Amino acid sequence: MSGFNSVNQGFLGGGAGGGSGSGTGFYKSQFKIGQPGSPMTAGETVLVISLENAKEDSESVYLDGSLLPEDEDDRISYQIVYAPTQVTITFNQAVLDTQLYQIKMAVTT
C-alpha cells in the first residue's frame, strides 16, 4: 500500500498473483474544500484525476459521508468521463468550502 498525501490520496494495491496486469487495485482520494492541497476550490465544478487504467463504472463519490447519485437534476450529483490516463468528474453544483469529498474506484493493475 502506498502512502497518502495531505489530502488523503493514494492507491491500494490488490489482485491475484501480485504482478503487473494481474488484477485489481483501488484508488481513493479524500479532500475538504478550502483546505491546503485540495484539488478543488470553492465555486469549481470539475475535478480531473490523473489515473491510468481506471475501471469504468467502478466509482463511488461521497459528499460529507453520503453517496452521491450519478446524472440527477433535482439534487447534487455528478457525471464521469473515463480516459486512458485520467478521470474527469463534473458536479452539477459548485463545491463549497468545508465540504468533504471521497472518491473511490477500481484500477486494473
PDB file of N, CA and C in Angstrom:
ATOM      1  N   MET A   1       0.849  -1.158   0.000  1.00  0.00           N
ATOM      2  CA  MET A   1       0.000   0.000   0.000  1.00  0.00           C
ATOM      3  C   MET A   1       0.899   1.226   0.000  1.00  0.00           C
ATOM      4  N   SER A   2       0.556   2.174  -0.858  1.00  0.00           N
ATOM      5  CA  SER A   2       1.343   3.399  -0.888  1.00  0.00           C
ATOM      6  C   SER A   2       0.810   4.383   0.139  1.00  0.00           C
ATOM      7  N   GLY A   3       1.605   5.401   0.423  1.00  0.00           N
ATOM      8  CA  GLY A   3       1.194   6.403   1.399  1.00  0.00           C
ATOM      9  C   GLY A   3       0.162   7.355   0.840  1.00  0.00           C
ATOM     10  N   PHE A   4      -0.478   8.077   1.717  1.00  0.00           N
ATOM     11  CA  PHE A   4      -1.471   9.064   1.335  1.00  0.00           C
ATOM     12  C   PHE A   4      -0.884  10.447   1.580  1.00  0.00           C
ATOM     13  N   ASN A   5      -1.154  11.390   0.668  1.00  0.00           N
ATOM     14  CA  ASN A   5      -0.638  12.744   0.864  1.00  0.00           C
ATOM     15  C   ASN A   5      -1.564  13.545   1.762  1.00  0.00           C
ATOM     16  N   SER A   6      -1.347  14.846   1.842  1.00  0.00           N
ATOM     17  CA  SER A   6      -2.086  15.679   2.790  1.00  0.00           C
ATOM     18  C   SER A   6      -3.582  15.720   2.536  1.00  0.00           C
ATOM     19  N   VAL A   7      -4.015  15.365   1.349  1.00  0.00           N
ATOM     20  CA  VAL A   7      -5.446  15.309   1.095  1.00  0.00           C
ATOM     21  C   VAL A   7      -5.923  13.861   1.043  1.00  0.00           C
ATOM     22  N   ASN A   8      -5.153  12.969   1.661  1.00  0.00           N
ATOM     23  CA  ASN A   8      -5.517  11.554   1.756  1.00  0.00           C
ATOM     24  C   ASN A   8      -5.809  10.950   0.387  1.00  0.00           C
ATOM     25  N   GLN A   9      -4.800  10.962  -0.460  1.00  0.00           N
ATOM     26  CA  GLN A   9      -4.937  10.375  -1.783  1.00  0.00           C
ATOM     27  C   GLN A   9      -3.932   9.260  -1.909  1.00  0.00           C
ATOM     28  N   GLY A  10      -4.337   8.156  -2.494  1.00  0.00           N
ATOM     29  CA  GLY A  10      -3.399   7.064  -2.648  1.00  0.00           C
ATOM     30  C   GLY A  10      -3.968   5.928  -3.439  1.00  0.00           C
ATOM     31  N   PHE A  11      -3.179   4.895  -3.552  1.00  0.00           N
ATOM     32  CA  PHE A  11      -3.543   3.715  -4.316  1.00  0.00           C
ATOM     33  C   PHE A  11      -3.327   2.501  -3.422  1.00  0.00           C
ATOM     34  N   LEU A  12      -4.342   1.695  -3.318  1.00  0.00           N
ATOM     35  CA  LEU A  12      -4.245   0.464  -2.544  1.00  0.00           C
ATOM     36  C   LEU A  12      -4.131  -0.683  -3.523  1.00  0.00           C
ATOM     37  N   GLY A  13      -3.010  -1.385  -3.522  1.00  0.00           N
ATOM     38  CA  GLY A  13      -2.788  -2.488  -4.456  1.00  0.00           C
ATOM     39  C   GLY A  13      -3.616  -3.696  -4.097  1.00  0.00           C
ATOM     40  N   GLY A  14      -3.770  -4.557  -5.070  1.00  0.00           N
ATOM     41  CA  GLY A  14      -4.524  -5.775  -4.820  1.00  0.00           C
ATOM     42  C   GLY A  14      -4.476  -6.661  -6.037  1.00  0.00           C
ATOM     43  N   GLY A  15      -5.209  -7.739  -6.003  1.00  0.00           N
ATOM     44  CA  GLY A  15      -5.302  -8.615  -7.152  1.00  0.00           C
ATOM     45  C   GLY A  15      -4.540  -9.907  -6.950  1.00  0.00           C
ATOM     46  N   ALA A  16      -4.978 -10.895  -7.666  1.00  0.00           N
ATOM     47  CA  ALA A  16      -4.358 -12.213  -7.588  1.00  0.00           C
ATOM     48  C   ALA A  16      -2.967 -12.181  -8.192  1.00  0.00           C
ATOM     49  N   GLY A  17      -2.049 -12.872  -7.609  1.00  0.00           N
ATOM     50  CA  GLY A  17      -0.712 -13.015  -8.155  1.00  0.00           C
ATOM     51  C   GLY A  17       0.229 -11.878  -7.822  1.00  0.00           C
ATOM     52  N   GLY A  18      -0.295 -10.703  -7.569  1.00  0.00           N
ATOM     53  CA  GLY A  18       0.520  -9.578  -7.156  1.00  0.00           C
ATOM     54  C   GLY A  18       1.377  -8.963  -8.232  1.00  0.00           C
ATOM     55  N   GLY A  19       1.377  -9.487  -9.459  1.00  0.00           N
ATOM     56  CA  GLY A  19       2.200  -8.938 -10.520  1.00  0.00           C
ATOM     57  C   GLY A  19       1.453  -7.924 -11.358  1.00  0.00           C
ATOM     58  N   SER A  20       2.191  -7.232 -12.202  1.00  0.00           N
ATOM     59  CA  SER A  20       1.598  -6.240 -13.098  1.00  0.00           C
ATOM     60  C   SER A  20       0.602  -6.915 -14.028  1.00  0.00           C
ATOM     61  N   GLY A  21      -0.551  -6.273 -14.229  1.00  0.00           N
ATOM     62  CA  GLY A  21      -1.560  -6.811 -15.115  1.00  0.00           C
ATOM     63  C   GLY A  21      -2.315  -7.995 -14.549  1.00  0.00           C
ATOM     64  N   SER A  22      -2.208  -8.218 -13.257  1.00  0.00           N
ATOM     65  CA  SER A  22      -2.752  -9.446 -12.694  1.00  0.00           C
ATOM     66  C   SER A  22      -4.063  -9.273 -11.945  1.00  0.00           C
ATOM     67  N   GLY A  23      -4.539  -8.075 -11.793  1.00  0.00           N
ATOM     68  CA  GLY A  23      -5.755  -7.968 -11.011  1.00  0.00           C
ATOM     69  C   GLY A  23      -6.271  -6.562 -10.886  1.00  0.00           C
ATOM     70  N   THR A  24      -6.851  -6.292  -9.731  1.00  0.00           N
ATOM     71  CA  THR A  24      -7.497  -5.018  -9.483  1.00  0.00           C
ATOM     72  C   THR A  24      -6.914  -4.367  -8.233  1.00  0.00           C
ATOM     73  N   GLY A  25      -6.649  -3.090  -8.333  1.00  0.00           N
ATOM     74  CA  GLY A  25      -6.267  -2.277  -7.192  1.00  0.00           C
ATOM     75  C   GLY A  25      -7.357  -1.253  -6.961  1.00  0.00           C
ATOM     76  N   PHE A  26      -7.185  -0.414  -5.965  1.00  0.00           N
ATOM     77  CA  PHE A  26      -8.215   0.561  -5.643  1.00  0.00           C
ATOM     78  C   PHE A  26      -7.605   1.928  -5.397  1.00  0.00           C
ATOM     79  N   TYR A  27      -8.178   2.941  -6.033  1.00  0.00           N
ATOM     80  CA  TYR A  27      -7.779   4.331  -5.863  1.00  0.00           C
ATOM     81  C   TYR A  27      -8.735   4.971  -4.860  1.00  0.00           C
ATOM     82  N   LYS A  28      -8.189   5.793  -3.973  1.00  0.00           N
ATOM     83  CA  LYS A  28      -9.015   6.519  -3.010  1.00  0.00           C
ATOM     84  C   LYS A  28      -8.444   7.914  -2.840  1.00  0.00           C
ATOM     85  N   SER A  29      -9.333   8.908  -2.821  1.00  0.00           N
ATOM     86  CA  SER A  29      -8.935  10.279  -2.549  1.00  0.00           C
ATOM     87  C   SER A  29      -9.969  10.898  -1.617  1.00  0.00           C
ATOM     88  N   GLN A  30      -9.487  11.602  -0.613  1.00  0.00           N
ATOM     89  CA  GLN A  30     -10.370  12.324   0.300  1.00  0.00           C
ATOM     90  C   GLN A  30      -9.825  13.726   0.467  1.00  0.00           C
ATOM     91  N   PHE A  31     -10.688  14.725   0.324  1.00  0.00           N
ATOM     92  CA  PHE A  31     -10.248  16.109   0.469  1.00  0.00           C
ATOM     93  C   PHE A  31     -11.399  16.986   0.934  1.00  0.00           C
ATOM     94  N   LYS A  32     -11.029  18.068   1.616  1.00  0.00           N
ATOM     95  CA  LYS A  32     -12.008  19.032   2.104  1.00  0.00           C
ATOM     96  C   LYS A  32     -11.788  20.346   1.355  1.00  0.00           C
ATOM     97  N   ILE A  33     -12.850  20.859   0.783  1.00  0.00           N
ATOM     98  CA  ILE A  33     -12.780  22.113   0.036  1.00  0.00           C
ATOM     99  C   ILE A  33     -12.355  23.228   0.993  1.00  0.00           C
ATOM    100  N   GLY A  34     -11.366  24.015   0.558  1.00  0.00           N
ATOM    101  CA  GLY A  34     -10.865  25.123   1.366  1.00  0.00           C
ATOM    102  C   GLY A  34      -9.609  24.802   2.146  1.00  0.00           C
ATOM    103  N   GLN A  35      -9.246  23.523   2.223  1.00  0.00           N
ATOM    104  CA  GLN A  35      -8.023  23.149   2.930  1.00  0.00           C
ATOM    105  C   GLN A  35      -6.847  23.140   1.961  1.00  0.00           C
ATOM    106  N   PRO A  36      -5.633  23.445   2.463  1.00  0.00           N
ATOM    107  CA  PRO A  36      -4.451  23.385   1.608  1.00  0.00           C
ATOM    108  C   PRO A  36      -4.303  21.997   0.972  1.00  0.00           C
ATOM    109  N   GLY A  37      -3.968  21.973  -0.298  1.00  0.00           N
ATOM    110  CA  GLY A  37      -3.776  20.722  -1.003  1.00  0.00           C
ATOM    111  C   GLY A  37      -5.027  20.165  -1.658  1.00  0.00           C
ATOM    112  N   SER A  38      -6.184  20.752  -1.392  1.00  0.00           N
ATOM    113  CA  SER A  38      -7.412  20.276  -2.014  1.00  0.00           C
ATOM    114  C   SER A  38      -7.320  20.467  -3.525  1.00  0.00           C
ATOM    115  N   PRO A  39      -7.714  19.468  -4.315  1.00  0.00           N
ATOM    116  CA  PRO A  39      -7.647  19.601  -5.773  1.00  0.00           C
ATOM    117  C   PRO A  39      -8.732  20.500  -6.357  1.00  0.00           C
ATOM    118  N   MET A  40      -9.663  20.946  -5.537  1.00  0.00           N
ATOM    119  CA  MET A  40     -10.727  21.851  -5.986  1.00  0.00           C
ATOM    120  C   MET A  40     -10.839  23.015  -5.011  1.00  0.00           C
ATOM    121  N   THR A  41     -11.311  24.144  -5.513  1.00  0.00           N
ATOM    122  CA  THR A  41     -11.593  25.295  -4.662  1.00  0.00           C
ATOM    123  C   THR A  41     -13.073  25.630  -4.771  1.00  0.00           C
ATOM    124  N   ALA A  42     -13.580  26.343  -3.787  1.00  0.00           N
ATOM    125  CA  ALA A  42     -14.996  26.721  -3.763  1.00  0.00           C
ATOM    126  C   ALA A  42     -15.386  27.381  -5.078  1.00  0.00           C
ATOM    127  N   GLY A  43     -16.524  26.977  -5.612  1.00  0.00           N
ATOM    128  CA  GLY A  43     -17.037  27.533  -6.849  1.00  0.00           C
ATOM    129  C   GLY A  43     -16.751  26.688  -8.076  1.00  0.00           C
ATOM    130  N   GLU A  44     -15.818  25.746  -7.973  1.00  0.00           N
ATOM    131  CA  GLU A  44     -15.494  24.891  -9.118  1.00  0.00           C
ATOM    132  C   GLU A  44     -16.489  23.741  -9.249  1.00  0.00           C
ATOM    133  N   THR A  45     -16.563  23.176 -10.453  1.00  0.00           N
ATOM    134  CA  THR A  45     -17.452  22.038 -10.695  1.00  0.00           C
ATOM    135  C   THR A  45     -16.743  20.838 -11.310  1.00  0.00           C
ATOM    136  N   VAL A  46     -15.478  20.990 -11.732  1.00  0.00           N
ATOM    137  CA  VAL A  46     -14.786  19.915 -12.446  1.00  0.00           C
ATOM    138  C   VAL A  46     -13.557  19.455 -11.663  1.00  0.00           C
ATOM    139  N   LEU A  47     -13.439  18.142 -11.508  1.00  0.00           N
ATOM    140  CA  LEU A  47     -12.282  17.518 -10.884  1.00  0.00           C
ATOM    141  C   LEU A  47     -11.650  16.575 -11.899  1.00  0.00           C
ATOM    142  N   VAL A  48     -10.363  16.780 -12.206  1.00  0.00           N
ATOM    143  CA  VAL A  48      -9.632  15.900 -13.106  1.00  0.00           C
ATOM    144  C   VAL A  48      -8.625  15.114 -12.271  1.00  0.00           C
ATOM    145  N   ILE A  49      -8.698  13.797 -12.356  1.00  0.00           N
ATOM    146  CA  ILE A  49      -7.812  12.903 -11.613  1.00  0.00           C
ATOM    147  C   ILE A  49      -6.880  12.220 -12.605  1.00  0.00           C
ATOM    148  N   SER A  50      -5.580  12.400 -12.440  1.00  0.00           N
ATOM    149  CA  SER A  50      -4.601  11.698 -13.280  1.00  0.00           C
ATOM    150  C   SER A  50      -4.508  10.261 -12.778  1.00  0.00           C
ATOM    151  N   LEU A  51      -5.002   9.343 -13.577  1.00  0.00           N
ATOM    152  CA  LEU A  51      -5.092   7.951 -13.135  1.00  0.00           C
ATOM    153  C   LEU A  51      -5.171   7.050 -14.354  1.00  0.00           C
ATOM    154  N   GLU A  52      -4.266   6.103 -14.448  1.00  0.00           N
ATOM    155  CA  GLU A  52      -4.283   5.159 -15.563  1.00  0.00           C
ATOM    156  C   GLU A  52      -5.077   3.913 -15.196  1.00  0.00           C
ATOM    157  N   ASN A  53      -5.739   3.353 -16.172  1.00  0.00           N
ATOM    158  CA  ASN A  53      -6.420   2.057 -16.067  1.00  0.00           C
ATOM    159  C   ASN A  53      -7.578   2.027 -15.071  1.00  0.00           C
ATOM    160  N   ALA A  54      -8.265   3.157 -14.899  1.00  0.00           N
ATOM    161  CA  ALA A  54      -9.451   3.159 -14.033  1.00  0.00           C
ATOM    162  C   ALA A  54     -10.539   2.307 -14.693  1.00  0.00           C
ATOM    163  N   LYS A  55     -11.204   1.493 -13.891  1.00  0.00           N
ATOM    164  CA  LYS A  55     -12.266   0.629 -14.411  1.00  0.00           C
ATOM    165  C   LYS A  55     -13.565   1.435 -14.489  1.00  0.00           C
ATOM    166  N   GLU A  56     -14.131   1.488 -15.683  1.00  0.00           N
ATOM    167  CA  GLU A  56     -15.368   2.241 -15.872  1.00  0.00           C
ATOM    168  C   GLU A  56     -16.483   1.697 -14.992  1.00  0.00           C
ATOM    169  N   ASP A  57     -17.298   2.616 -14.505  1.00  0.00           N
ATOM    170  CA  ASP A  57     -18.464   2.307 -13.673  1.00  0.00           C
ATOM    171  C   ASP A  57     -18.108   1.668 -12.337  1.00  0.00           C
ATOM    172  N   SER A  58     -16.879   1.864 -11.874  1.00  0.00           N
ATOM    173  CA  SER A  58     -16.487   1.308 -10.573  1.00  0.00           C
ATOM    174  C   SER A  58     -16.432   2.377  -9.486  1.00  0.00           C
ATOM    175  N   GLU A  59     -16.725   3.632  -9.851  1.00  0.00           N
ATOM    176  CA  GLU A  59     -16.522   4.737  -8.921  1.00  0.00           C
ATOM    177  C   GLU A  59     -17.623   4.841  -7.871  1.00  0.00           C
ATOM    178  N   SER A  60     -17.217   5.396  -6.735  1.00  0.00           N
ATOM    179  CA  SER A  60     -18.138   5.832  -5.685  1.00  0.00           C
ATOM    180  C   SER A  60     -17.701   7.233  -5.309  1.00  0.00           C
ATOM    181  N   VAL A  61     -18.641   8.163  -5.302  1.00  0.00           N
ATOM    182  CA  VAL A  61     -18.353   9.555  -4.967  1.00  0.00           C
ATOM    183  C   VAL A  61     -19.222   9.922  -3.766  1.00  0.00           C
ATOM    184  N   TYR A  62     -18.561  10.358  -2.693  1.00  0.00           N
ATOM    185  CA  TYR A  62     -19.264  10.694  -1.450  1.00  0.00           C
ATOM    186  C   TYR A  62     -19.093  12.170  -1.138  1.00  0.00           C
ATOM    187  N   LEU A  63     -20.143  12.786  -0.624  1.00  0.00           N
ATOM    188  CA  LEU A  63     -20.110  14.159  -0.127  1.00  0.00           C
ATOM    189  C   LEU A  63     -20.535  14.129   1.329  1.00  0.00           C
ATOM    190  N   ASP A  64     -19.642  14.536   2.208  1.00  0.00           N
ATOM    191  CA  ASP A  64     -19.911  14.548   3.652  1.00  0.00           C
ATOM    192  C   ASP A  64     -20.488  13.218   4.134  1.00  0.00           C
ATOM    193  N   GLY A  65     -19.955  12.117   3.589  1.00  0.00           N
ATOM    194  CA  GLY A  65     -20.345  10.782   4.022  1.00  0.00           C
ATOM    195  C   GLY A  65     -21.518  10.167   3.291  1.00  0.00           C
ATOM    196  N   SER A  66     -22.193  10.928   2.425  1.00  0.00           N
ATOM    197  CA  SER A  66     -23.341  10.395   1.684  1.00  0.00           C
ATOM    198  C   SER A  66     -22.953  10.100   0.240  1.00  0.00           C
ATOM    199  N   LEU A  67     -23.345   8.926  -0.231  1.00  0.00           N
ATOM    200  CA  LEU A  67     -23.068   8.529  -1.609  1.00  0.00           C
ATOM    201  C   LEU A  67     -23.863   9.413  -2.558  1.00  0.00           C
ATOM    202  N   LEU A  68     -23.169  10.032  -3.526  1.00  0.00           N
ATOM    203  CA  LEU A  68     -23.842  10.887  -4.493  1.00  0.00           C
ATOM    204  C   LEU A  68     -24.371  10.063  -5.663  1.00  0.00           C
ATOM    205  N   PRO A  69     -25.543  10.433  -6.190  1.00  0.00           N
ATOM    206  CA  PRO A  69     -26.060   9.759  -7.377  1.00  0.00           C
ATOM    207  C   PRO A  69     -25.379  10.312  -8.627  1.00  0.00           C
ATOM    208  N   GLU A  70     -25.499   9.564  -9.712  1.00  0.00           N
ATOM    209  CA  GLU A  70     -24.962   9.991 -10.994  1.00  0.00           C
ATOM    210  C   GLU A  70     -26.112  10.507 -11.866  1.00  0.00           C
ATOM    211  N   ASP A  71     -25.888  11.651 -12.511  1.00  0.00           N
ATOM    212  CA  ASP A  71     -26.828  12.210 -13.504  1.00  0.00           C
ATOM    213  C   ASP A  71     -28.230  12.486 -12.964  1.00  0.00           C
ATOM    214  N   GLU A  72     -28.339  13.150 -11.850  1.00  0.00           N
ATOM    215  CA  GLU A  72     -29.645  13.563 -11.324  1.00  0.00           C
ATOM    216  C   GLU A  72     -29.753  15.080 -11.427  1.00  0.00           C
ATOM    217  N   ASP A  73     -30.919  15.581 -11.798  1.00  0.00           N
ATOM    218  CA  ASP A  73     -31.107  17.020 -11.954  1.00  0.00           C
ATOM    219  C   ASP A  73     -31.649  17.714 -10.710  1.00  0.00           C
ATOM    220  N   ASP A  74     -32.319  16.975  -9.835  1.00  0.00           N
ATOM    221  CA  ASP A  74     -33.003  17.603  -8.708  1.00  0.00           C
ATOM    222  C   ASP A  74     -32.203  17.574  -7.404  1.00  0.00           C
ATOM    223  N   ARG A  75     -30.932  17.172  -7.473  1.00  0.00           N
ATOM    224  CA  ARG A  75     -30.063  17.123  -6.288  1.00  0.00           C
ATOM    225  C   ARG A  75     -28.622  17.146  -6.761  1.00  0.00           C
ATOM    226  N   ILE A  76     -27.694  17.364  -5.836  1.00  0.00           N
ATOM    227  CA  ILE A  76     -26.292  17.353  -6.247  1.00  0.00           C
ATOM    228  C   ILE A  76     -25.921  15.962  -6.739  1.00  0.00           C
ATOM    229  N   SER A  77     -25.276  15.937  -7.892  1.00  0.00           N
ATOM    230  CA  SER A  77     -24.861  14.681  -8.497  1.00  0.00           C
ATOM    231  C   SER A  77     -23.651  14.959  -9.383  1.00  0.00           C
ATOM    232  N   TYR A  78     -23.234  13.961 -10.128  1.00  0.00           N
ATOM    233  CA  TYR A  78     -22.032  14.103 -10.947  1.00  0.00           C
ATOM    234  C   TYR A  78     -22.171  13.318 -12.240  1.00  0.00           C
ATOM    235  N   GLN A  79     -21.329  13.676 -13.198  1.00  0.00           N
ATOM    236  CA  GLN A  79     -21.118  12.893 -14.410  1.00  0.00           C
ATOM    237  C   GLN A  79     -19.638  12.555 -14.446  1.00  0.00           C
ATOM    238  N   ILE A  80     -19.304  11.421 -15.029  1.00  0.00           N
ATOM    239  CA  ILE A  80     -17.908  10.991 -15.047  1.00  0.00           C
ATOM    240  C   ILE A  80     -17.517  10.566 -16.458  1.00  0.00           C
ATOM    241  N   VAL A  81     -16.293  10.921 -16.839  1.00  0.00           N
ATOM    242  CA  VAL A  81     -15.739  10.533 -18.136  1.00  0.00           C
ATOM    243  C   VAL A  81     -14.395   9.864 -17.878  1.00  0.00           C
ATOM    244  N   TYR A  82     -14.250   8.659 -18.426  1.00  0.00           N
ATOM    245  CA  TYR A  82     -13.005   7.908 -18.288  1.00  0.00           C
ATOM    246  C   TYR A  82     -12.174   8.075 -19.555  1.00  0.00           C
ATOM    247  N   ALA A  83     -10.885   8.306 -19.401  1.00  0.00           N
ATOM    248  CA  ALA A  83      -9.929   8.352 -20.499  1.00  0.00           C
ATOM    249  C   ALA A  83      -8.747   7.465 -20.099  1.00  0.00           C
ATOM    250  N   PRO A  84      -7.865   7.130 -21.040  1.00  0.00           N
ATOM    251  CA  PRO A  84      -6.774   6.205 -20.710  1.00  0.00           C
ATOM    252  C   PRO A  84      -5.881   6.642 -19.546  1.00  0.00           C
ATOM    253  N   THR A  85      -5.675   7.952 -19.376  1.00  0.00           N
ATOM    254  CA  THR A  85      -4.759   8.412 -18.322  1.00  0.00           C
ATOM    255  C   THR A  85      -5.403   9.350 -17.315  1.00  0.00           C
ATOM    256  N   GLN A  86      -6.711   9.536 -17.397  1.00  0.00           N
ATOM    257  CA  GLN A  86      -7.362  10.409 -16.422  1.00  0.00           C
ATOM    258  C   GLN A  86      -8.854  10.117 -16.331  1.00  0.00           C
ATOM    259  N   VAL A  87      -9.421  10.602 -15.237  1.00  0.00           N
ATOM    260  CA  VAL A  87     -10.852  10.513 -14.990  1.00  0.00           C
ATOM    261  C   VAL A  87     -11.328  11.930 -14.702  1.00  0.00           C
ATOM    262  N   THR A  88     -12.416  12.340 -15.353  1.00  0.00           N
ATOM    263  CA  THR A  88     -12.965  13.681 -15.136  1.00  0.00           C
ATOM    264  C   THR A  88     -14.345  13.555 -14.509  1.00  0.00           C
ATOM    265  N   ILE A  89     -14.507  14.185 -13.353  1.00  0.00           N
ATOM    266  CA  ILE A  89     -15.790  14.198 -12.656  1.00  0.00           C
ATOM    267  C   ILE A  89     -16.320  15.626 -12.703  1.00  0.00           C
ATOM    268  N   THR A  90     -17.542  15.776 -13.206  1.00  0.00           N
ATOM    269  CA  THR A  90     -18.183  17.085 -13.282  1.00  0.00           C
ATOM    270  C   THR A  90     -19.418  17.067 -12.392  1.00  0.00           C
ATOM    271  N   PHE A  91     -19.426  17.939 -11.406  1.00  0.00           N
ATOM    272  CA  PHE A  91     -20.566  18.058 -10.491  1.00  0.00           C
ATOM    273  C   PHE A  91     -21.585  19.030 -11.088  1.00  0.00           C
ATOM    274  N   ASN A  92     -22.863  18.814 -10.803  1.00  0.00           N
ATOM    275  CA  ASN A  92     -23.895  19.704 -11.335  1.00  0.00           C
ATOM    276  C   ASN A  92     -24.111  20.933 -10.455  1.00  0.00           C
ATOM    277  N   GLN A  93     -23.383  21.035  -9.369  1.00  0.00           N
ATOM    278  CA  GLN A  93     -23.398  22.215  -8.498  1.00  0.00           C
ATOM    279  C   GLN A  93     -21.964  22.515  -8.090  1.00  0.00           C
ATOM    280  N   ALA A  94     -21.679  23.787  -7.906  1.00  0.00           N
ATOM    281  CA  ALA A  94     -20.336  24.189  -7.474  1.00  0.00           C
ATOM    282  C   ALA A  94     -20.055  23.667  -6.065  1.00  0.00           C
ATOM    283  N   VAL A  95     -18.796  23.283  -5.833  1.00  0.00           N
ATOM    284  CA  VAL A  95     -18.413  22.830  -4.499  1.00  0.00           C
ATOM    285  C   VAL A  95     -18.308  24.029  -3.559  1.00  0.00           C
ATOM    286  N   LEU A  96     -18.495  23.763  -2.269  1.00  0.00           N
ATOM    287  CA  LEU A  96     -18.498  24.808  -1.244  1.00  0.00           C
ATOM    288  C   LEU A  96     -17.411  24.545  -0.204  1.00  0.00           C
ATOM    289  N   ASP A  97     -16.900  25.614   0.392  1.00  0.00           N
ATOM    290  CA  ASP A  97     -15.919  25.470   1.469  1.00  0.00           C
ATOM    291  C   ASP A  97     -16.447  24.538   2.554  1.00  0.00           C
ATOM    292  N   THR A  98     -15.583  23.753   3.099  1.00  0.00           N
ATOM    293  CA  THR A  98     -15.765  22.772   4.178  1.00  0.00           C
ATOM    294  C   THR A  98     -16.449  21.478   3.738  1.00  0.00           C
ATOM    295  N   GLN A  99     -16.895  21.365   2.489  1.00  0.00           N
ATOM    296  CA  GLN A  99     -17.459  20.090   2.047  1.00  0.00           C
ATOM    297  C   GLN A  99     -16.341  19.048   1.983  1.00  0.00           C
ATOM    298  N   LEU A 100     -16.645  17.840   2.438  1.00  0.00           N
ATOM    299  CA  LEU A 100     -15.694  16.739   2.437  1.00  0.00           C
ATOM    300  C   LEU A 100     -16.072  15.751   1.333  1.00  0.00           C
ATOM    301  N   TYR A 101     -15.159  15.519   0.412  1.00  0.00           N
ATOM    302  CA  TYR A 101     -15.383  14.592  -0.696  1.00  0.00           C
ATOM    303  C   TYR A 101     -14.488  13.373  -0.553  1.00  0.00           C
ATOM    304  N   GLN A 102     -15.035  12.228  -0.923  1.00  0.00           N
ATOM    305  CA  GLN A 102     -14.271  10.984  -1.025  1.00  0.00           C
ATOM    306  C   GLN A 102     -14.574  10.384  -2.395  1.00  0.00           C
ATOM    307  N   ILE A 103     -13.514  10.013  -3.098  1.00  0.00           N
ATOM    308  CA  ILE A 103     -13.634   9.389  -4.411  1.00  0.00           C
ATOM    309  C   ILE A 103     -12.946   8.034  -4.331  1.00  0.00           C
ATOM    310  N   LYS A 104     -13.633   6.991  -4.738  1.00  0.00           N
ATOM    311  CA  LYS A 104     -13.057   5.647  -4.728  1.00  0.00           C
ATOM    312  C   LYS A 104     -13.371   4.989  -6.068  1.00  0.00           C
ATOM    313  N   MET A 105     -12.389   4.239  -6.602  1.00  0.00           N
ATOM    314  CA  MET A 105     -12.641   3.476  -7.815  1.00  0.00           C
ATOM    315  C   MET A 105     -11.625   2.364  -7.985  1.00  0.00           C
ATOM    316  N   ALA A 106     -12.017   1.382  -8.755  1.00  0.00           N
ATOM    317  CA  ALA A 106     -11.130   0.251  -9.041  1.00  0.00           C
ATOM    318  C   ALA A 106     -10.205   0.607 -10.193  1.00  0.00           C
ATOM    319  N   VAL A 107      -9.005   0.021 -10.158  1.00  0.00           N
ATOM    320  CA  VAL A 107      -7.978   0.243 -11.173  1.00  0.00           C
ATOM    321  C   VAL A 107      -7.396  -1.111 -11.560  1.00  0.00           C
ATOM    322  N   THR A 108      -7.268  -1.355 -12.839  1.00  0.00           N
ATOM    323  CA  THR A 108      -6.624  -2.576 -13.315  1.00  0.00           C
ATOM    324  C   THR A 108      -5.125  -2.454 -13.078  1.00  0.00           C
ATOM    325  N   THR A 109      -4.541  -3.461 -12.428  1.00  0.00           N
ATOM    326  CA  THR A 109      -3.110  -3.429 -12.131  1.00  0.00           C
ATOM    327  C   THR A 109      -2.342  -4.338 -13.044  1.00  0.00           C
TER     328      THR A 109
END
